């Protein structure tokens, strides 16, 4: 599978039906030796009230991907245990 095959697909959490983001607005971490995808990194959605605050990103391990469809990527995540990391704009 190529990165271009993933661009534009929406990421949906099967646990609660949450829309997490879209590939293309996100990054991927890739093992440089094997070429395997390790994580999908999504910017956490924000609103105008927290626009100037440090933003966060969600790291979704590739092992949590359950299905890659024509329009969506289904992941199985317990959002209470997600790995959030802060980054400055």
N, C-alpha and C. Protein backbone atom coordinates (compact mmCIF):
# COMPACT_ATOMS: atom_id res chain seq x y z
N UNK A 1 0.84 -1.17 0.00
CA UNK A 1 0.00 0.00 0.00
C UNK A 1 0.89 1.24 0.00
N UNK A 2 0.52 2.21 -0.77
CA UNK A 2 1.25 3.46 -0.86
C UNK A 2 0.58 4.53 -0.01
N UNK A 3 1.38 5.51 0.39
CA UNK A 3 0.84 6.63 1.14
C UNK A 3 -0.26 7.32 0.36
N UNK A 4 -0.10 7.43 -0.94
CA UNK A 4 -1.11 8.09 -1.77
C UNK A 4 -2.45 7.33 -1.72
N UNK A 5 -2.42 6.02 -1.43
CA UNK A 5 -3.65 5.24 -1.29
C UNK A 5 -4.41 5.60 -0.01
N UNK A 6 -3.68 6.14 0.98
CA UNK A 6 -4.29 6.48 2.27
C UNK A 6 -4.81 7.92 2.33
N UNK A 7 -4.23 8.81 1.53
CA UNK A 7 -4.57 10.23 1.60
C UNK A 7 -6.05 10.44 1.31
N UNK A 8 -6.69 11.23 2.18
CA UNK A 8 -8.10 11.57 2.01
C UNK A 8 -9.04 10.65 2.77
N UNK A 9 -8.52 9.56 3.31
CA UNK A 9 -9.39 8.64 4.06
C UNK A 9 -9.60 9.17 5.48
N UNK A 10 -10.83 9.10 5.93
CA UNK A 10 -11.17 9.54 7.27
C UNK A 10 -10.92 8.41 8.25
N UNK A 11 -10.43 8.75 9.45
CA UNK A 11 -10.14 7.76 10.48
C UNK A 11 -11.30 7.74 11.46
N UNK A 12 -11.90 6.55 11.63
CA UNK A 12 -13.06 6.38 12.51
C UNK A 12 -12.71 5.37 13.60
N UNK A 13 -13.06 5.71 14.84
CA UNK A 13 -12.85 4.80 15.97
C UNK A 13 -14.07 3.90 16.10
N UNK A 14 -13.87 2.60 15.95
CA UNK A 14 -14.98 1.64 16.01
C UNK A 14 -15.58 1.54 17.42
N UNK A 15 -14.81 1.90 18.45
CA UNK A 15 -15.27 1.79 19.83
C UNK A 15 -16.43 2.74 20.11
N UNK A 16 -16.30 4.00 19.64
CA UNK A 16 -17.34 4.99 19.94
C UNK A 16 -17.86 5.74 18.71
N UNK A 17 -17.38 5.37 17.54
CA UNK A 17 -17.84 6.02 16.31
C UNK A 17 -17.27 7.41 16.08
N UNK A 18 -16.27 7.81 16.88
CA UNK A 18 -15.70 9.15 16.77
C UNK A 18 -14.91 9.30 15.48
N UNK A 19 -15.06 10.47 14.87
CA UNK A 19 -14.27 10.84 13.70
C UNK A 19 -12.99 11.49 14.22
N UNK A 20 -11.84 10.87 13.98
CA UNK A 20 -10.59 11.34 14.56
C UNK A 20 -9.80 12.28 13.66
N UNK A 21 -10.00 12.18 12.37
CA UNK A 21 -9.26 13.03 11.46
C UNK A 21 -9.18 12.41 10.08
N UNK A 22 -8.37 13.02 9.23
CA UNK A 22 -8.23 12.59 7.85
C UNK A 22 -6.75 12.43 7.54
N UNK A 23 -6.42 11.34 6.86
CA UNK A 23 -5.04 11.18 6.40
C UNK A 23 -4.79 12.26 5.35
N UNK A 24 -3.72 12.94 5.50
CA UNK A 24 -3.41 14.10 4.65
C UNK A 24 -3.29 15.32 5.52
N UNK A 25 -4.08 15.35 6.60
CA UNK A 25 -3.95 16.38 7.63
C UNK A 25 -3.12 15.82 8.76
N UNK A 26 -2.50 14.67 8.55
CA UNK A 26 -1.78 13.96 9.59
C UNK A 26 -0.39 13.57 9.10
N UNK A 27 0.36 12.95 9.99
CA UNK A 27 1.68 12.43 9.65
C UNK A 27 1.70 10.94 9.94
N UNK A 28 2.70 10.27 9.41
CA UNK A 28 2.92 8.86 9.69
C UNK A 28 4.35 8.69 10.17
N UNK A 29 4.57 7.77 11.12
CA UNK A 29 5.93 7.37 11.43
C UNK A 29 6.16 6.03 10.75
N UNK A 30 7.30 5.92 10.11
CA UNK A 30 7.61 4.74 9.30
C UNK A 30 8.96 4.18 9.74
N UNK A 31 9.04 2.86 9.86
CA UNK A 31 10.31 2.19 10.13
C UNK A 31 11.16 2.30 8.86
N UNK A 32 12.27 2.98 8.94
CA UNK A 32 13.09 3.25 7.76
C UNK A 32 13.73 1.99 7.19
N UNK A 33 13.91 0.98 8.01
CA UNK A 33 14.53 -0.25 7.52
C UNK A 33 13.54 -1.15 6.79
N UNK A 34 12.32 -1.25 7.33
CA UNK A 34 11.34 -2.17 6.75
C UNK A 34 10.30 -1.48 5.89
N UNK A 35 10.11 -0.17 6.10
CA UNK A 35 9.07 0.56 5.38
C UNK A 35 7.70 0.41 5.99
N UNK A 36 7.61 -0.29 7.14
CA UNK A 36 6.32 -0.49 7.81
C UNK A 36 5.87 0.78 8.52
N UNK A 37 4.56 1.06 8.44
CA UNK A 37 3.99 2.19 9.17
C UNK A 37 3.92 1.81 10.65
N UNK A 38 4.39 2.71 11.53
CA UNK A 38 4.36 2.46 12.96
C UNK A 38 3.21 3.19 13.65
N UNK A 39 2.98 4.45 13.29
CA UNK A 39 1.94 5.27 13.91
C UNK A 39 1.30 6.19 12.88
N UNK A 40 0.04 6.51 13.12
CA UNK A 40 -0.61 7.63 12.46
C UNK A 40 -0.61 8.74 13.50
N UNK A 41 -0.15 9.91 13.14
CA UNK A 41 -0.09 11.04 14.07
C UNK A 41 -1.08 12.09 13.61
N UNK A 42 -2.11 12.30 14.42
CA UNK A 42 -3.18 13.25 14.07
C UNK A 42 -3.11 14.48 14.96
N UNK A 43 -3.27 15.67 14.39
CA UNK A 43 -3.44 16.84 15.25
C UNK A 43 -4.79 16.72 15.96
N UNK A 44 -4.81 17.00 17.24
CA UNK A 44 -6.07 16.95 17.99
C UNK A 44 -6.92 18.13 17.58
N UNK A 45 -8.20 17.88 17.38
CA UNK A 45 -9.10 18.95 16.94
C UNK A 45 -9.19 20.02 18.01
N UNK A 46 -9.21 21.27 17.56
CA UNK A 46 -9.26 22.39 18.48
C UNK A 46 -10.44 23.29 18.12
N UNK A 47 -10.71 24.24 19.00
CA UNK A 47 -11.72 25.25 18.70
C UNK A 47 -11.09 26.62 18.90
N UNK A 48 -11.83 27.66 18.69
CA UNK A 48 -11.28 29.01 18.78
C UNK A 48 -10.82 29.37 20.19
N UNK A 49 -11.43 28.78 21.22
CA UNK A 49 -11.06 29.12 22.58
C UNK A 49 -9.65 28.66 22.94
N UNK A 50 -9.20 27.54 22.37
CA UNK A 50 -7.86 27.07 22.70
C UNK A 50 -6.92 27.17 21.50
N UNK A 51 -7.17 28.13 20.63
CA UNK A 51 -6.37 28.30 19.41
C UNK A 51 -4.92 28.66 19.72
N UNK A 52 -4.68 29.50 20.74
CA UNK A 52 -3.32 29.97 21.03
C UNK A 52 -2.59 29.09 22.03
N UNK A 53 -3.24 28.09 22.56
CA UNK A 53 -2.62 27.19 23.54
C UNK A 53 -1.80 26.15 22.78
N UNK A 54 -0.81 25.55 23.46
CA UNK A 54 -0.06 24.45 22.84
C UNK A 54 -1.04 23.41 22.32
N UNK A 55 -0.80 22.97 21.10
CA UNK A 55 -1.66 21.97 20.50
C UNK A 55 -1.19 20.59 20.91
N UNK A 56 -2.04 19.61 20.72
CA UNK A 56 -1.69 18.24 21.03
C UNK A 56 -1.86 17.40 19.78
N UNK A 57 -1.20 16.27 19.78
CA UNK A 57 -1.36 15.33 18.69
C UNK A 57 -1.64 13.96 19.28
N UNK A 58 -2.36 13.15 18.53
CA UNK A 58 -2.71 11.80 18.94
C UNK A 58 -1.85 10.84 18.13
N UNK A 59 -1.20 9.91 18.81
CA UNK A 59 -0.45 8.87 18.12
C UNK A 59 -1.27 7.59 18.14
N UNK A 60 -1.63 7.12 16.96
CA UNK A 60 -2.41 5.89 16.84
C UNK A 60 -1.47 4.79 16.35
N UNK A 61 -1.19 3.78 17.18
CA UNK A 61 -0.34 2.68 16.71
C UNK A 61 -0.99 1.95 15.53
N UNK A 62 -0.19 1.60 14.53
CA UNK A 62 -0.71 0.95 13.34
C UNK A 62 -1.39 -0.37 13.69
N UNK A 63 -0.98 -1.00 14.79
CA UNK A 63 -1.61 -2.26 15.22
C UNK A 63 -3.09 -2.07 15.57
N UNK A 64 -3.51 -0.83 15.84
CA UNK A 64 -4.90 -0.55 16.19
C UNK A 64 -5.78 -0.39 14.95
N UNK A 65 -5.18 -0.35 13.76
CA UNK A 65 -5.95 -0.26 12.52
C UNK A 65 -6.59 -1.62 12.26
N UNK A 66 -7.93 -1.62 12.11
CA UNK A 66 -8.66 -2.87 11.90
C UNK A 66 -9.03 -3.09 10.44
N UNK A 67 -9.26 -1.99 9.70
CA UNK A 67 -9.67 -2.13 8.31
C UNK A 67 -9.36 -0.84 7.57
N UNK A 68 -8.82 -0.98 6.37
CA UNK A 68 -8.63 0.17 5.47
C UNK A 68 -9.61 -0.02 4.33
N UNK A 69 -10.61 0.85 4.29
CA UNK A 69 -11.63 0.77 3.25
C UNK A 69 -11.37 1.77 2.14
N UNK A 70 -12.34 1.87 1.23
CA UNK A 70 -12.21 2.81 0.11
C UNK A 70 -12.23 4.27 0.58
N UNK A 71 -13.01 4.56 1.64
CA UNK A 71 -13.16 5.94 2.08
C UNK A 71 -12.74 6.18 3.52
N UNK A 72 -12.67 5.12 4.33
CA UNK A 72 -12.35 5.29 5.76
C UNK A 72 -11.32 4.26 6.21
N UNK A 73 -10.68 4.60 7.32
CA UNK A 73 -9.79 3.68 8.04
C UNK A 73 -10.43 3.47 9.40
N UNK A 74 -10.71 2.22 9.73
CA UNK A 74 -11.34 1.89 11.00
C UNK A 74 -10.24 1.52 11.99
N UNK A 75 -10.24 2.18 13.16
CA UNK A 75 -9.29 1.86 14.22
C UNK A 75 -10.07 1.47 15.46
N UNK A 76 -9.43 0.73 16.34
CA UNK A 76 -10.06 0.32 17.60
C UNK A 76 -9.23 0.91 18.74
N UNK A 77 -9.73 2.02 19.30
CA UNK A 77 -9.00 2.75 20.33
C UNK A 77 -9.84 2.98 21.56
N UNK A 78 -9.24 2.76 22.71
CA UNK A 78 -9.83 3.20 23.97
C UNK A 78 -9.32 4.62 24.16
N UNK A 79 -10.15 5.61 23.85
CA UNK A 79 -9.70 7.00 23.84
C UNK A 79 -9.32 7.52 25.22
N UNK A 80 -9.67 6.79 26.26
CA UNK A 80 -9.23 7.17 27.60
C UNK A 80 -7.76 6.91 27.81
N UNK A 81 -7.16 6.04 26.99
CA UNK A 81 -5.75 5.68 27.14
C UNK A 81 -4.91 6.10 25.94
N UNK A 82 -5.33 7.13 25.22
CA UNK A 82 -4.57 7.57 24.05
C UNK A 82 -3.30 8.27 24.47
N UNK A 83 -2.31 8.20 23.60
CA UNK A 83 -1.03 8.84 23.83
C UNK A 83 -1.07 10.24 23.19
N UNK A 84 -1.24 11.28 24.04
CA UNK A 84 -1.24 12.65 23.56
C UNK A 84 0.14 13.26 23.79
N UNK A 85 0.64 13.96 22.81
CA UNK A 85 1.90 14.68 22.96
C UNK A 85 1.67 16.13 22.59
N UNK A 86 2.31 17.02 23.34
CA UNK A 86 2.19 18.45 23.06
C UNK A 86 3.24 18.88 22.05
N UNK A 87 2.86 19.82 21.22
CA UNK A 87 3.81 20.47 20.33
C UNK A 87 3.42 21.92 20.21
N UNK A 88 4.41 22.76 20.01
CA UNK A 88 4.16 24.20 19.91
C UNK A 88 4.01 24.58 18.45
N UNK A 89 3.18 25.59 18.23
CA UNK A 89 2.95 26.07 16.87
C UNK A 89 3.99 27.10 16.53
